[in-house]
Amino acid sequence: MQRTALIRSTSASHNFDQGELAPDAHRRALLALADELGARLHTSHELRQGLTLTVRYADRTSTTRSRALPEPSAHSPALTTLAYNLYTLLGLEQARVRNLALRADRLGPDESAHHQLLLDDGDEKARRIEAVPDAARSRFGPHVITAATLARATRGGHPREPS
């Protein structure tokens, strides 16, 4: 089935149970959101040209930051880097965050994009490696592969108790 009209944006969000103060928890949530968006974009063969971060606080106010990219991309590490940069620009200190949301903006088909060739082949290797978890997710489900910082430590199949 071929899609005739492309969706202009796609988003993912993470709710914290309480107002979360820890920047490490915020960054883990951003990593998970960027990974989810990247997987969605790979699956739909779309590229994004911008990213928007929305932070909602415990007092129900919110802050939004957006950035455009020099070239369209669906590369998960690029999404993560940009999400972290947007978060850093907010300069949050002791902010109780209730929700983080990432939105990939200005989506377009991946066959229409041009990619700048680099003399360093590290970027191309990372893009080829990214196809492996995409294939595993399509066969075994969306949560079969995740970043190590997002995986729960287990012992004998049960969550490990904090020490």
N, C-alpha and C. Protein backbone atom coordinates (compact mmCIF):
# COMPACT_ATOMS: atom_id res chain seq x y z
N MET A 1 0.84 -1.17 0.00
CA MET A 1 0.00 0.00 0.00
C MET A 1 0.88 1.24 0.00
N GLN A 2 0.70 2.09 -0.97
CA GLN A 2 1.51 3.28 -1.08
C GLN A 2 0.73 4.47 -0.54
N ARG A 3 1.40 5.27 0.24
CA ARG A 3 0.78 6.43 0.83
C ARG A 3 0.77 7.56 -0.19
N THR A 4 -0.37 8.21 -0.36
CA THR A 4 -0.46 9.29 -1.34
C THR A 4 -0.22 10.65 -0.70
N ALA A 5 -0.60 10.82 0.55
CA ALA A 5 -0.36 12.08 1.24
C ALA A 5 0.50 11.83 2.47
N LEU A 6 1.58 12.56 2.59
CA LEU A 6 2.47 12.38 3.71
C LEU A 6 1.99 13.16 4.93
N ILE A 7 2.21 12.60 6.09
CA ILE A 7 1.92 13.29 7.33
C ILE A 7 2.99 14.36 7.50
N ARG A 8 2.59 15.54 7.92
CA ARG A 8 3.51 16.67 8.03
C ARG A 8 4.40 16.60 9.27
N SER A 9 3.95 15.88 10.32
CA SER A 9 4.76 15.74 11.53
C SER A 9 4.35 14.47 12.26
N THR A 10 5.22 14.03 13.15
CA THR A 10 4.92 12.91 14.03
C THR A 10 5.56 13.22 15.37
N SER A 11 4.94 12.76 16.44
CA SER A 11 5.46 13.11 17.76
C SER A 11 5.43 11.92 18.70
N ALA A 12 6.18 12.07 19.79
CA ALA A 12 6.21 11.09 20.87
C ALA A 12 6.37 11.87 22.16
N SER A 13 5.76 11.35 23.23
CA SER A 13 5.88 12.07 24.50
C SER A 13 6.08 11.09 25.65
N HIS A 14 6.60 11.62 26.74
CA HIS A 14 6.85 10.83 27.95
C HIS A 14 6.31 11.59 29.14
N ASN A 15 5.46 10.94 29.93
CA ASN A 15 4.91 11.51 31.16
C ASN A 15 5.69 10.95 32.35
N PHE A 16 6.06 11.84 33.26
CA PHE A 16 6.66 11.41 34.52
C PHE A 16 5.54 11.29 35.54
N ASP A 17 5.66 10.33 36.46
CA ASP A 17 4.63 10.12 37.48
C ASP A 17 4.46 11.35 38.36
N GLN A 18 5.58 11.98 38.69
CA GLN A 18 5.57 13.19 39.49
C GLN A 18 6.47 14.20 38.79
N GLY A 19 6.53 15.41 39.30
CA GLY A 19 7.46 16.38 38.73
C GLY A 19 8.87 15.87 38.89
N GLU A 20 9.53 15.58 37.79
CA GLU A 20 10.88 14.99 37.81
C GLU A 20 11.93 16.09 37.79
N LEU A 21 12.84 16.06 38.77
CA LEU A 21 13.89 17.06 38.88
C LEU A 21 15.20 16.62 38.21
N ALA A 22 15.44 15.33 38.10
CA ALA A 22 16.74 14.81 37.68
C ALA A 22 16.99 14.99 36.18
N PRO A 23 18.02 15.76 35.82
CA PRO A 23 18.36 15.91 34.40
C PRO A 23 18.68 14.58 33.71
N ASP A 24 19.25 13.61 34.45
CA ASP A 24 19.54 12.30 33.86
C ASP A 24 18.25 11.59 33.43
N ALA A 25 17.21 11.72 34.24
CA ALA A 25 15.92 11.12 33.88
C ALA A 25 15.34 11.83 32.66
N HIS A 26 15.52 13.14 32.58
CA HIS A 26 15.05 13.89 31.41
C HIS A 26 15.78 13.42 30.16
N ARG A 27 17.10 13.26 30.27
CA ARG A 27 17.90 12.84 29.11
C ARG A 27 17.55 11.41 28.67
N ARG A 28 17.31 10.51 29.62
CA ARG A 28 16.89 9.15 29.26
C ARG A 28 15.57 9.17 28.52
N ALA A 29 14.64 10.01 28.99
CA ALA A 29 13.35 10.12 28.30
C ALA A 29 13.54 10.68 26.90
N LEU A 30 14.40 11.68 26.75
CA LEU A 30 14.66 12.25 25.42
C LEU A 30 15.28 11.21 24.49
N LEU A 31 16.21 10.41 25.02
CA LEU A 31 16.82 9.34 24.23
C LEU A 31 15.77 8.36 23.74
N ALA A 32 14.86 7.95 24.64
CA ALA A 32 13.80 7.01 24.26
C ALA A 32 12.88 7.62 23.21
N LEU A 33 12.54 8.89 23.37
CA LEU A 33 11.65 9.56 22.41
C LEU A 33 12.31 9.70 21.05
N ALA A 34 13.59 10.09 21.03
CA ALA A 34 14.31 10.23 19.76
C ALA A 34 14.44 8.88 19.07
N ASP A 35 14.69 7.83 19.85
CA ASP A 35 14.80 6.48 19.29
C ASP A 35 13.46 6.04 18.69
N GLU A 36 12.38 6.33 19.39
CA GLU A 36 11.04 5.98 18.89
C GLU A 36 10.72 6.73 17.60
N LEU A 37 11.00 8.03 17.58
CA LEU A 37 10.75 8.81 16.36
C LEU A 37 11.60 8.32 15.20
N GLY A 38 12.88 8.04 15.47
CA GLY A 38 13.76 7.54 14.42
C GLY A 38 13.25 6.24 13.82
N ALA A 39 12.81 5.33 14.68
CA ALA A 39 12.27 4.05 14.20
C ALA A 39 11.03 4.28 13.35
N ARG A 40 10.15 5.17 13.79
CA ARG A 40 8.94 5.48 13.01
C ARG A 40 9.29 6.06 11.65
N LEU A 41 10.26 6.96 11.62
CA LEU A 41 10.64 7.60 10.36
C LEU A 41 11.29 6.60 9.41
N HIS A 42 12.11 5.68 9.96
CA HIS A 42 12.73 4.66 9.10
C HIS A 42 11.65 3.77 8.50
N THR A 43 10.70 3.36 9.33
CA THR A 43 9.63 2.46 8.89
C THR A 43 8.77 3.10 7.80
N SER A 44 8.49 4.39 7.95
CA SER A 44 7.63 5.08 6.98
C SER A 44 8.42 5.68 5.82
N HIS A 45 9.75 5.51 5.84
CA HIS A 45 10.62 6.04 4.78
C HIS A 45 10.45 7.54 4.61
N GLU A 46 10.46 8.23 5.75
CA GLU A 46 10.35 9.69 5.74
C GLU A 46 11.54 10.31 6.46
N LEU A 47 11.80 11.54 6.11
CA LEU A 47 12.87 12.31 6.73
C LEU A 47 12.26 13.55 7.36
N ARG A 48 12.87 14.02 8.41
CA ARG A 48 12.39 15.23 9.03
C ARG A 48 13.40 16.35 8.79
N GLN A 49 12.88 17.56 8.74
CA GLN A 49 13.74 18.72 8.53
C GLN A 49 13.85 19.58 9.78
N GLY A 50 13.06 19.27 10.79
CA GLY A 50 13.12 20.04 12.03
C GLY A 50 12.66 19.19 13.20
N LEU A 51 12.97 19.68 14.39
CA LEU A 51 12.59 18.98 15.60
C LEU A 51 12.09 20.02 16.61
N THR A 52 11.01 19.68 17.31
CA THR A 52 10.45 20.56 18.33
C THR A 52 10.40 19.82 19.65
N LEU A 53 10.89 20.46 20.70
CA LEU A 53 10.85 19.92 22.05
C LEU A 53 9.87 20.75 22.86
N THR A 54 8.93 20.09 23.51
CA THR A 54 8.00 20.76 24.42
C THR A 54 8.18 20.16 25.81
N VAL A 55 8.40 21.04 26.79
CA VAL A 55 8.56 20.62 28.18
C VAL A 55 7.39 21.19 28.96
N ARG A 56 6.66 20.30 29.65
CA ARG A 56 5.57 20.73 30.53
C ARG A 56 6.01 20.54 31.97
N TYR A 57 5.77 21.56 32.76
CA TYR A 57 6.23 21.58 34.13
C TYR A 57 5.10 21.22 35.09
N ALA A 58 5.45 20.98 36.36
CA ALA A 58 4.47 20.59 37.37
C ALA A 58 3.43 21.69 37.60
N ASP A 59 3.79 22.95 37.35
CA ASP A 59 2.84 24.05 37.53
C ASP A 59 1.95 24.26 36.30
N ARG A 60 2.01 23.32 35.36
CA ARG A 60 1.20 23.29 34.13
C ARG A 60 1.60 24.33 33.07
N THR A 61 2.72 24.99 33.26
CA THR A 61 3.25 25.86 32.20
C THR A 61 4.09 24.99 31.28
N SER A 62 4.46 25.52 30.14
CA SER A 62 5.29 24.75 29.22
C SER A 62 6.23 25.68 28.45
N THR A 63 7.27 25.08 27.92
CA THR A 63 8.25 25.77 27.09
C THR A 63 8.46 24.94 25.84
N THR A 64 8.55 25.61 24.71
CA THR A 64 8.77 24.92 23.43
C THR A 64 9.96 25.53 22.71
N ARG A 65 10.81 24.66 22.16
CA ARG A 65 11.96 25.09 21.36
C ARG A 65 11.98 24.25 20.08
N SER A 66 12.31 24.89 18.96
CA SER A 66 12.39 24.21 17.67
C SER A 66 13.69 24.56 16.97
N ARG A 67 14.16 23.64 16.17
CA ARG A 67 15.35 23.87 15.34
C ARG A 67 15.16 23.18 13.99
N ALA A 68 15.62 23.85 12.96
CA ALA A 68 15.66 23.26 11.62
C ALA A 68 17.02 22.60 11.44
N LEU A 69 17.08 21.65 10.55
CA LEU A 69 18.33 20.94 10.26
C LEU A 69 18.93 21.42 8.95
N PRO A 70 20.24 21.32 8.82
CA PRO A 70 20.86 21.70 7.55
C PRO A 70 20.45 20.79 6.39
N GLU A 71 20.17 19.51 6.70
CA GLU A 71 19.69 18.57 5.69
C GLU A 71 18.69 17.62 6.32
N PRO A 72 17.68 17.17 5.55
CA PRO A 72 16.69 16.24 6.11
C PRO A 72 17.34 14.95 6.58
N SER A 73 16.81 14.37 7.66
CA SER A 73 17.40 13.16 8.23
C SER A 73 16.36 12.34 8.97
N ALA A 74 16.60 11.03 9.05
CA ALA A 74 15.83 10.14 9.92
C ALA A 74 16.80 9.39 10.83
N HIS A 75 18.03 9.84 10.86
CA HIS A 75 19.12 9.20 11.60
C HIS A 75 18.90 9.39 13.10
N SER A 76 18.69 8.32 13.85
CA SER A 76 18.38 8.40 15.28
C SER A 76 19.43 9.15 16.10
N PRO A 77 20.73 8.93 15.89
CA PRO A 77 21.70 9.71 16.66
C PRO A 77 21.61 11.22 16.37
N ALA A 78 21.27 11.59 15.16
CA ALA A 78 21.09 13.02 14.85
C ALA A 78 19.87 13.57 15.59
N LEU A 79 18.80 12.77 15.66
CA LEU A 79 17.61 13.17 16.42
C LEU A 79 17.95 13.35 17.90
N THR A 80 18.70 12.40 18.45
CA THR A 80 19.07 12.45 19.86
C THR A 80 19.94 13.67 20.15
N THR A 81 20.93 13.92 19.32
CA THR A 81 21.82 15.06 19.51
C THR A 81 21.04 16.36 19.48
N LEU A 82 20.16 16.51 18.52
CA LEU A 82 19.37 17.73 18.42
C LEU A 82 18.42 17.87 19.61
N ALA A 83 17.81 16.77 20.06
CA ALA A 83 16.93 16.81 21.23
C ALA A 83 17.71 17.24 22.47
N TYR A 84 18.91 16.69 22.66
CA TYR A 84 19.75 17.08 23.79
C TYR A 84 20.14 18.57 23.70
N ASN A 85 20.45 19.04 22.49
CA ASN A 85 20.81 20.45 22.32
C ASN A 85 19.64 21.37 22.67
N LEU A 86 18.44 21.01 22.22
CA LEU A 86 17.26 21.81 22.55
C LEU A 86 17.02 21.82 24.05
N TYR A 87 17.20 20.68 24.70
CA TYR A 87 17.02 20.58 26.15
C TYR A 87 18.05 21.45 26.87
N THR A 88 19.30 21.40 26.43
CA THR A 88 20.37 22.19 27.05
C THR A 88 20.09 23.68 26.92
N LEU A 89 19.56 24.10 25.76
CA LEU A 89 19.24 25.51 25.54
C LEU A 89 18.22 26.05 26.55
N LEU A 90 17.39 25.17 27.09
CA LEU A 90 16.40 25.61 28.07
C LEU A 90 17.04 26.01 29.40
N GLY A 91 18.22 25.47 29.69
CA GLY A 91 18.91 25.81 30.92
C GLY A 91 18.10 25.50 32.17
N LEU A 92 17.46 24.36 32.20
CA LEU A 92 16.61 24.00 33.33
C LEU A 92 17.45 23.72 34.57
N GLU A 93 17.11 24.40 35.65
CA GLU A 93 17.73 24.13 36.95
C GLU A 93 16.61 23.98 37.96
N GLN A 94 16.55 22.83 38.59
CA GLN A 94 15.53 22.56 39.59
C GLN A 94 14.11 22.73 39.06
N ALA A 95 13.88 22.37 37.81
CA ALA A 95 12.54 22.44 37.23
C ALA A 95 11.86 21.09 37.38
N ARG A 96 10.66 21.09 37.89
CA ARG A 96 9.88 19.86 38.03
C ARG A 96 9.16 19.60 36.70
N VAL A 97 9.70 18.66 35.93
CA VAL A 97 9.17 18.35 34.60
C VAL A 97 8.15 17.22 34.72
N ARG A 98 6.96 17.44 34.15
CA ARG A 98 5.90 16.43 34.15
C ARG A 98 5.82 15.69 32.82
N ASN A 99 6.21 16.35 31.72
CA ASN A 99 6.08 15.74 30.40
C ASN A 99 7.13 16.30 29.46
N LEU A 100 7.70 15.43 28.66
CA LEU A 100 8.60 15.82 27.57
C LEU A 100 7.99 15.30 26.27
N ALA A 101 7.96 16.13 25.25
CA ALA A 101 7.43 15.71 23.96
C ALA A 101 8.38 16.16 22.86
N LEU A 102 8.64 15.27 21.91
CA LEU A 102 9.43 15.58 20.72
C LEU A 102 8.54 15.44 19.50
N ARG A 103 8.64 16.38 18.59
CA ARG A 103 7.88 16.32 17.34
C ARG A 103 8.84 16.51 16.18
N ALA A 104 8.84 15.55 15.27
CA ALA A 104 9.60 15.66 14.03
C ALA A 104 8.74 16.46 13.05
N ASP A 105 9.26 17.58 12.60
CA ASP A 105 8.50 18.51 11.77
C ASP A 105 8.93 18.44 10.30
N ARG A 106 8.05 18.95 9.46
CA ARG A 106 8.31 19.09 8.02
C ARG A 106 8.84 17.79 7.43
N LEU A 107 8.02 16.75 7.54
CA LEU A 107 8.40 15.44 7.02
C LEU A 107 8.28 15.41 5.51
N GLY A 108 9.13 14.59 4.91
CA GLY A 108 9.08 14.40 3.47
C GLY A 108 9.59 13.01 3.12
N PRO A 109 9.34 12.55 1.91
CA PRO A 109 9.78 11.21 1.51
C PRO A 109 11.30 11.14 1.44
N ASP A 110 11.85 9.99 1.87
CA ASP A 110 13.30 9.88 1.90
C ASP A 110 13.94 9.82 0.52
N GLU A 111 13.20 9.41 -0.50
CA GLU A 111 13.80 9.34 -1.84
C GLU A 111 14.04 10.72 -2.45
N SER A 112 13.42 11.75 -1.89
CA SER A 112 13.59 13.09 -2.44
C SER A 112 14.75 13.85 -1.80
N ALA A 113 15.36 13.27 -0.76
CA ALA A 113 16.41 13.98 -0.03
C ALA A 113 17.78 13.68 -0.60
N HIS A 114 18.67 14.63 -0.41
CA HIS A 114 20.07 14.48 -0.80
C HIS A 114 20.90 14.44 0.47
N HIS A 115 21.89 13.57 0.47
CA HIS A 115 22.75 13.44 1.64
C HIS A 115 24.15 13.88 1.27
N GLN A 116 24.71 14.78 2.08
CA GLN A 116 26.07 15.27 1.85
C GLN A 116 27.06 14.14 2.09
N LEU A 117 27.87 13.82 1.09
CA LEU A 117 28.89 12.79 1.23
C LEU A 117 30.07 13.34 2.01
N LEU A 118 30.59 12.53 2.92
CA LEU A 118 31.72 12.93 3.75
C LEU A 118 32.91 12.03 3.45
N LEU A 119 34.11 12.57 3.65
CA LEU A 119 35.30 11.75 3.48
C LEU A 119 35.44 10.75 4.62
N ASP A 120 34.94 11.07 5.79
CA ASP A 120 34.93 10.16 6.92
C ASP A 120 33.77 9.19 6.76
N ASP A 121 34.06 7.88 6.76
CA ASP A 121 33.00 6.91 6.54
C ASP A 121 32.27 6.51 7.82
N GLY A 122 32.58 7.13 8.96
CA GLY A 122 31.92 6.81 10.23
C GLY A 122 30.44 7.06 10.20
N ASP A 123 30.01 8.16 9.58
CA ASP A 123 28.59 8.49 9.50
C ASP A 123 27.85 7.45 8.66
N GLU A 124 28.44 7.04 7.55
CA GLU A 124 27.80 6.05 6.68
C GLU A 124 27.70 4.70 7.38
N LYS A 125 28.74 4.32 8.15
CA LYS A 125 28.69 3.06 8.91
C LYS A 125 27.56 3.11 9.93
N ALA A 126 27.42 4.24 10.62
CA ALA A 126 26.36 4.37 11.62
C ALA A 126 24.99 4.24 10.98
N ARG A 127 24.83 4.78 9.79
CA ARG A 127 23.54 4.68 9.09
C ARG A 127 23.25 3.23 8.66
N ARG A 128 24.28 2.50 8.23
CA ARG A 128 24.08 1.10 7.85
C ARG A 128 23.77 0.24 9.08
N ILE A 129 24.45 0.53 10.18
CA ILE A 129 24.22 -0.23 11.42
C ILE A 129 22.80 0.01 11.92
N GLU A 130 22.28 1.19 11.69
CA GLU A 130 20.92 1.51 12.15
C GLU A 130 19.87 0.63 11.49
N ALA A 131 20.17 0.03 10.36
CA ALA A 131 19.22 -0.85 9.68
C ALA A 131 19.01 -2.16 10.46
N VAL A 132 20.01 -2.57 11.26
CA VAL A 132 19.92 -3.83 12.00
C VAL A 132 18.80 -3.78 13.05
N PRO A 133 18.79 -2.79 13.95
CA PRO A 133 17.67 -2.77 14.91
C PRO A 133 16.32 -2.54 14.24
N ASP A 134 16.31 -1.81 13.13
CA ASP A 134 15.05 -1.62 12.40
C ASP A 134 14.49 -2.96 11.94
N ALA A 135 15.36 -3.82 11.41
CA ALA A 135 14.92 -5.14 10.94
C ALA A 135 14.45 -6.00 12.12
N ALA A 136 15.18 -5.94 13.23
CA ALA A 136 14.78 -6.72 14.41
C ALA A 136 13.44 -6.24 14.96
N ARG A 137 13.25 -4.92 14.99
CA ARG A 137 11.98 -4.37 15.49
C ARG A 137 10.81 -4.76 14.59
N SER A 138 11.04 -4.77 13.29
CA SER A 138 9.94 -5.12 12.39
C SER A 138 9.56 -6.59 12.53
N ARG A 139 10.52 -7.43 12.90
CA ARG A 139 10.24 -8.86 13.03
C ARG A 139 9.74 -9.25 14.42
N PHE A 140 10.33 -8.64 15.48
CA PHE A 140 10.04 -9.09 16.84
C PHE A 140 9.30 -8.08 17.70
N GLY A 141 9.06 -6.88 17.20
CA GLY A 141 8.33 -5.88 17.98
C GLY A 141 9.18 -4.65 18.28
N PRO A 142 8.54 -3.56 18.66
CA PRO A 142 9.23 -2.29 18.79
C PRO A 142 10.20 -2.19 19.96
N HIS A 143 10.06 -3.04 20.98
CA HIS A 143 10.91 -2.92 22.16
C HIS A 143 11.97 -4.00 22.27
N VAL A 144 12.23 -4.72 21.17
CA VAL A 144 13.19 -5.81 21.22
C VAL A 144 14.63 -5.30 21.37
N ILE A 145 14.92 -4.14 20.83
CA ILE A 145 16.25 -3.54 20.93
C ILE A 145 16.10 -2.12 21.43
N THR A 146 16.90 -1.78 22.44
CA THR A 146 16.86 -0.42 22.98
C THR A 146 18.25 -0.03 23.44
N ALA A 147 18.45 1.24 23.68
CA ALA A 147 19.73 1.73 24.18
C ALA A 147 20.00 1.15 25.56
N ALA A 148 21.24 0.87 25.88
CA ALA A 148 21.59 0.25 27.16
C ALA A 148 21.14 1.10 28.33
N THR A 149 21.19 2.42 28.22
CA THR A 149 20.77 3.27 29.32
C THR A 149 19.27 3.21 29.58
N LEU A 150 18.52 2.68 28.62
CA LEU A 150 17.07 2.57 28.77
C LEU A 150 16.64 1.19 29.25
N ALA A 151 17.53 0.20 29.13
CA ALA A 151 17.19 -1.17 29.52
C ALA A 151 17.20 -1.30 31.04
N ARG A 152 16.25 -2.05 31.54
CA ARG A 152 16.22 -2.31 32.99
C ARG A 152 17.18 -3.44 33.30
N ALA A 153 17.99 -3.24 34.32
CA ALA A 153 18.91 -4.30 34.73
C ALA A 153 18.10 -5.46 35.29
N THR A 154 18.39 -6.65 34.80
CA THR A 154 17.64 -7.82 35.27
C THR A 154 18.59 -8.87 35.80
N ARG A 155 18.06 -9.67 36.70
CA ARG A 155 18.78 -10.81 37.23
C ARG A 155 17.77 -11.94 37.28
N GLY A 156 17.97 -12.95 36.47
CA GLY A 156 17.05 -14.09 36.46
C GLY A 156 15.68 -13.73 35.92
N GLY A 157 15.60 -12.72 35.04
CA GLY A 157 14.34 -12.34 34.43
C GLY A 157 13.50 -11.40 35.26
N HIS A 158 13.97 -11.03 36.47
CA HIS A 158 13.22 -10.14 37.35
C HIS A 158 13.98 -8.82 37.51
N PRO A 159 13.28 -7.71 37.65
CA PRO A 159 13.97 -6.45 37.85
C PRO A 159 14.87 -6.52 39.08
N ARG A 160 16.06 -5.99 38.92
CA ARG A 160 17.03 -5.98 40.01
C ARG A 160 16.65 -4.91 41.01
N GLU A 161 16.76 -5.26 42.29
CA GLU A 161 16.46 -4.30 43.35
C GLU A 161 17.59 -3.29 43.43
N PRO A 162 17.27 -2.02 43.72
CA PRO A 162 18.33 -1.04 43.88
C PRO A 162 19.23 -1.41 45.04
N SER A 163 20.54 -1.15 44.88
CA SER A 163 21.47 -1.47 45.97
C SER A 163 21.80 -0.25 46.79
